[in-house]
Amino acid sequence: MFVYDSSGTFAVGIVDIKTGKTTVDIAGAGFQPAEKITLTIESGAGSTTLSTAAAVEGNLSGAFWVQNVELPSSVKTGDVLTVKATGDKGGIGKGPLIVVNKNTTN
């Protein structure tokens, strides 16, 4: 599974935190066709379900891609997180996410 910054940098596994909302794009594979997928972000403090504008489900090949997924406001610079995709037919995918701040005015 790949998680990357929605701002167009395509740095896999790294997101530059923004003032306001920070978003990522997530792509994964290995799920069943039409498998409904729930995305969560995991840290030592627990798990938070990520909301998406559209339903996430595996395509005919069991892959998915969702854009502009907003990260919770609790995410901060220096966090090392796991983004997890859990399918309703048993599929599971995970990807790392490191949160950085390239703009010190944020």
C-alpha atoms as a PDB file:
ATOM      1  CA  MET A   1       0.000   0.000   0.000  1.00  0.00           C
ATOM      2  CA  PHE A   2       1.265   3.498  -0.850  1.00  0.00           C
ATOM      3  CA  VAL A   3       0.470   6.686   1.033  1.00  0.00           C
ATOM      4  CA  TYR A   4       1.688  10.009  -0.346  1.00  0.00           C
ATOM      5  CA  ASP A   5       1.179  13.762  -0.019  1.00  0.00           C
ATOM      6  CA  SER A   6      -1.769  15.047  -2.096  1.00  0.00           C
ATOM      7  CA  SER A   7       0.097  18.279  -2.879  1.00  0.00           C
ATOM      8  CA  GLY A   8       1.795  16.637  -5.846  1.00  0.00           C
ATOM      9  CA  THR A   9       5.216  15.841  -4.396  1.00  0.00           C
ATOM     10  CA  PHE A  10       4.612  12.089  -4.735  1.00  0.00           C
ATOM     11  CA  ALA A  11       7.000  11.388  -1.857  1.00  0.00           C
ATOM     12  CA  VAL A  12       5.785   7.940  -0.812  1.00  0.00           C
ATOM     13  CA  GLY A  13       5.304   7.577   2.937  1.00  0.00           C
ATOM     14  CA  ILE A  14       5.955  11.258   3.716  1.00  0.00           C
ATOM     15  CA  VAL A  15       3.463  14.100   4.137  1.00  0.00           C
ATOM     16  CA  ASP A  16       4.272  17.772   4.623  1.00  0.00           C
ATOM     17  CA  ILE A  17       1.921  19.086   7.308  1.00  0.00           C
ATOM     18  CA  LYS A  18      -0.059  22.167   6.280  1.00  0.00           C
ATOM     19  CA  THR A  19      -1.858  24.960   8.087  1.00  0.00           C
ATOM     20  CA  GLY A  20      -5.525  24.025   7.918  1.00  0.00           C
ATOM     21  CA  LYS A  21      -6.007  20.577   6.459  1.00  0.00           C
ATOM     22  CA  THR A  22      -3.367  18.085   5.372  1.00  0.00           C
ATOM     23  CA  THR A  23      -4.366  15.469   2.798  1.00  0.00           C
ATOM     24  CA  VAL A  24      -2.877  12.284   1.407  1.00  0.00           C
ATOM     25  CA  ASP A  25      -3.600   9.987  -1.517  1.00  0.00           C
ATOM     26  CA  ILE A  26      -3.724   6.259  -0.794  1.00  0.00           C
ATOM     27  CA  ALA A  27      -3.358   3.366  -3.244  1.00  0.00           C
ATOM     28  CA  GLY A  28      -3.499  -0.328  -2.462  1.00  0.00           C
ATOM     29  CA  ALA A  29      -4.026  -3.756  -3.974  1.00  0.00           C
ATOM     30  CA  GLY A  30      -4.637  -7.348  -2.939  1.00  0.00           C
ATOM     31  CA  PHE A  31      -8.326  -6.931  -2.123  1.00  0.00           C
ATOM     32  CA  GLN A  32     -11.303  -8.709  -3.661  1.00  0.00           C
ATOM     33  CA  PRO A  33     -13.225  -7.041  -6.501  1.00  0.00           C
ATOM     34  CA  ALA A  34     -15.886  -4.727  -4.970  1.00  0.00           C
ATOM     35  CA  GLU A  35     -14.504  -5.323  -1.451  1.00  0.00           C
ATOM     36  CA  LYS A  36     -15.532  -2.371   0.719  1.00  0.00           C
ATOM     37  CA  ILE A  37     -12.457  -0.838   2.363  1.00  0.00           C
ATOM     38  CA  THR A  38     -12.208   1.155   5.588  1.00  0.00           C
ATOM     39  CA  LEU A  39      -9.127   3.357   6.034  1.00  0.00           C
ATOM     40  CA  THR A  40      -7.706   4.052   9.483  1.00  0.00           C
ATOM     41  CA  ILE A  41      -4.637   5.807  10.814  1.00  0.00           C
ATOM     42  CA  GLU A  42      -2.880   4.100  13.717  1.00  0.00           C
ATOM     43  CA  SER A  43      -0.524   5.482  16.322  1.00  0.00           C
ATOM     44  CA  GLY A  44       0.511   4.590  19.846  1.00  0.00           C
ATOM     45  CA  ALA A  45      -2.570   6.496  21.024  1.00  0.00           C
ATOM     46  CA  GLY A  46      -4.981   4.264  19.113  1.00  0.00           C
ATOM     47  CA  SER A  47      -6.799   4.189  15.796  1.00  0.00           C
ATOM     48  CA  THR A  48      -8.837   6.839  13.939  1.00  0.00           C
ATOM     49  CA  THR A  49     -11.053   6.139  10.931  1.00  0.00           C
ATOM     50  CA  LEU A  50     -10.231   8.371   7.969  1.00  0.00           C
ATOM     51  CA  SER A  51     -13.166   9.897   6.143  1.00  0.00           C
ATOM     52  CA  THR A  52     -13.219   9.967   2.363  1.00  0.00           C
ATOM     53  CA  ALA A  53     -15.449  11.848  -0.058  1.00  0.00           C
ATOM     54  CA  ALA A  54     -16.333   8.635  -1.894  1.00  0.00           C
ATOM     55  CA  ALA A  55     -16.731   5.022  -0.857  1.00  0.00           C
ATOM     56  CA  VAL A  56     -13.509   3.050  -1.152  1.00  0.00           C
ATOM     57  CA  GLU A  57     -13.696  -0.384  -2.729  1.00  0.00           C
ATOM     58  CA  GLY A  58     -11.534  -2.727  -4.731  1.00  0.00           C
ATOM     59  CA  ASN A  59     -11.834  -2.496  -8.505  1.00  0.00           C
ATOM     60  CA  LEU A  60     -12.092  -5.553 -10.787  1.00  0.00           C
ATOM     61  CA  SER A  61      -8.436  -6.326  -9.987  1.00  0.00           C
ATOM     62  CA  GLY A  62      -8.849  -5.732  -6.234  1.00  0.00           C
ATOM     63  CA  ALA A  63      -6.903  -2.460  -6.301  1.00  0.00           C
ATOM     64  CA  PHE A  64      -8.006   0.965  -5.074  1.00  0.00           C
ATOM     65  CA  TRP A  65      -6.881   4.584  -5.209  1.00  0.00           C
ATOM     66  CA  VAL A  66      -8.411   7.385  -3.202  1.00  0.00           C
ATOM     67  CA  GLN A  67      -7.321  11.025  -3.331  1.00  0.00           C
ATOM     68  CA  ASN A  68      -7.372  13.937  -0.887  1.00  0.00           C
ATOM     69  CA  VAL A  69      -7.997  11.968   2.293  1.00  0.00           C
ATOM     70  CA  GLU A  70      -7.906  14.480   5.140  1.00  0.00           C
ATOM     71  CA  LEU A  71      -5.699  13.594   8.090  1.00  0.00           C
ATOM     72  CA  PRO A  72      -7.044  14.182  11.613  1.00  0.00           C
ATOM     73  CA  SER A  73      -6.058  17.478  13.255  1.00  0.00           C
ATOM     74  CA  SER A  74      -4.274  15.457  15.980  1.00  0.00           C
ATOM     75  CA  VAL A  75      -1.519  14.489  13.478  1.00  0.00           C
ATOM     76  CA  LYS A  76       1.609  16.533  14.117  1.00  0.00           C
ATOM     77  CA  THR A  77       5.142  17.020  12.854  1.00  0.00           C
ATOM     78  CA  GLY A  78       7.388  14.109  13.808  1.00  0.00           C
ATOM     79  CA  ASP A  79       4.611  11.511  13.955  1.00  0.00           C
ATOM     80  CA  VAL A  80       5.394   8.116  12.456  1.00  0.00           C
ATOM     81  CA  LEU A  81       2.069   6.469  11.715  1.00  0.00           C
ATOM     82  CA  THR A  82       0.533   3.443  10.039  1.00  0.00           C
ATOM     83  CA  VAL A  83      -2.278   3.832   7.533  1.00  0.00           C
ATOM     84  CA  LYS A  84      -4.325   0.644   7.434  1.00  0.00           C
ATOM     85  CA  ALA A  85      -6.869  -0.519   4.846  1.00  0.00           C
ATOM     86  CA  THR A  86      -9.282  -3.179   6.092  1.00  0.00           C
ATOM     87  CA  GLY A  87     -11.644  -4.867   3.647  1.00  0.00           C
ATOM     88  CA  ASP A  88     -15.018  -6.342   4.509  1.00  0.00           C
ATOM     89  CA  LYS A  89     -13.942  -9.653   2.904  1.00  0.00           C
ATOM     90  CA  GLY A  90     -10.739 -10.028   4.946  1.00  0.00           C
ATOM     91  CA  GLY A  91      -8.227  -8.034   2.911  1.00  0.00           C
ATOM     92  CA  ILE A  92      -5.708  -5.944   4.867  1.00  0.00           C
ATOM     93  CA  GLY A  93      -3.033  -3.514   3.706  1.00  0.00           C
ATOM     94  CA  LYS A  94      -0.695  -1.208   5.617  1.00  0.00           C
ATOM     95  CA  GLY A  95       1.576   1.671   4.697  1.00  0.00           C
ATOM     96  CA  PRO A  96       3.874   3.917   6.745  1.00  0.00           C
ATOM     97  CA  LEU A  97       3.403   7.676   6.999  1.00  0.00           C
ATOM     98  CA  ILE A  98       6.005  10.100   8.345  1.00  0.00           C
ATOM     99  CA  VAL A  99       4.788  13.626   9.059  1.00  0.00           C
ATOM    100  CA  VAL A 100       7.255  16.452   8.342  1.00  0.00           C
ATOM    101  CA  ASN A 101       7.062  20.241   8.222  1.00  0.00           C
ATOM    102  CA  LYS A 102       9.071  21.814   5.396  1.00  0.00           C
ATOM    103  CA  ASN A 103       7.560  25.245   6.063  1.00  0.00           C
ATOM    104  CA  THR A 104       8.478  26.594   9.500  1.00  0.00           C
ATOM    105  CA  THR A 105       5.639  29.144   9.361  1.00  0.00           C
ATOM    106  CA  ASN A 106       3.007  26.359   9.683  1.00  0.00           C
END
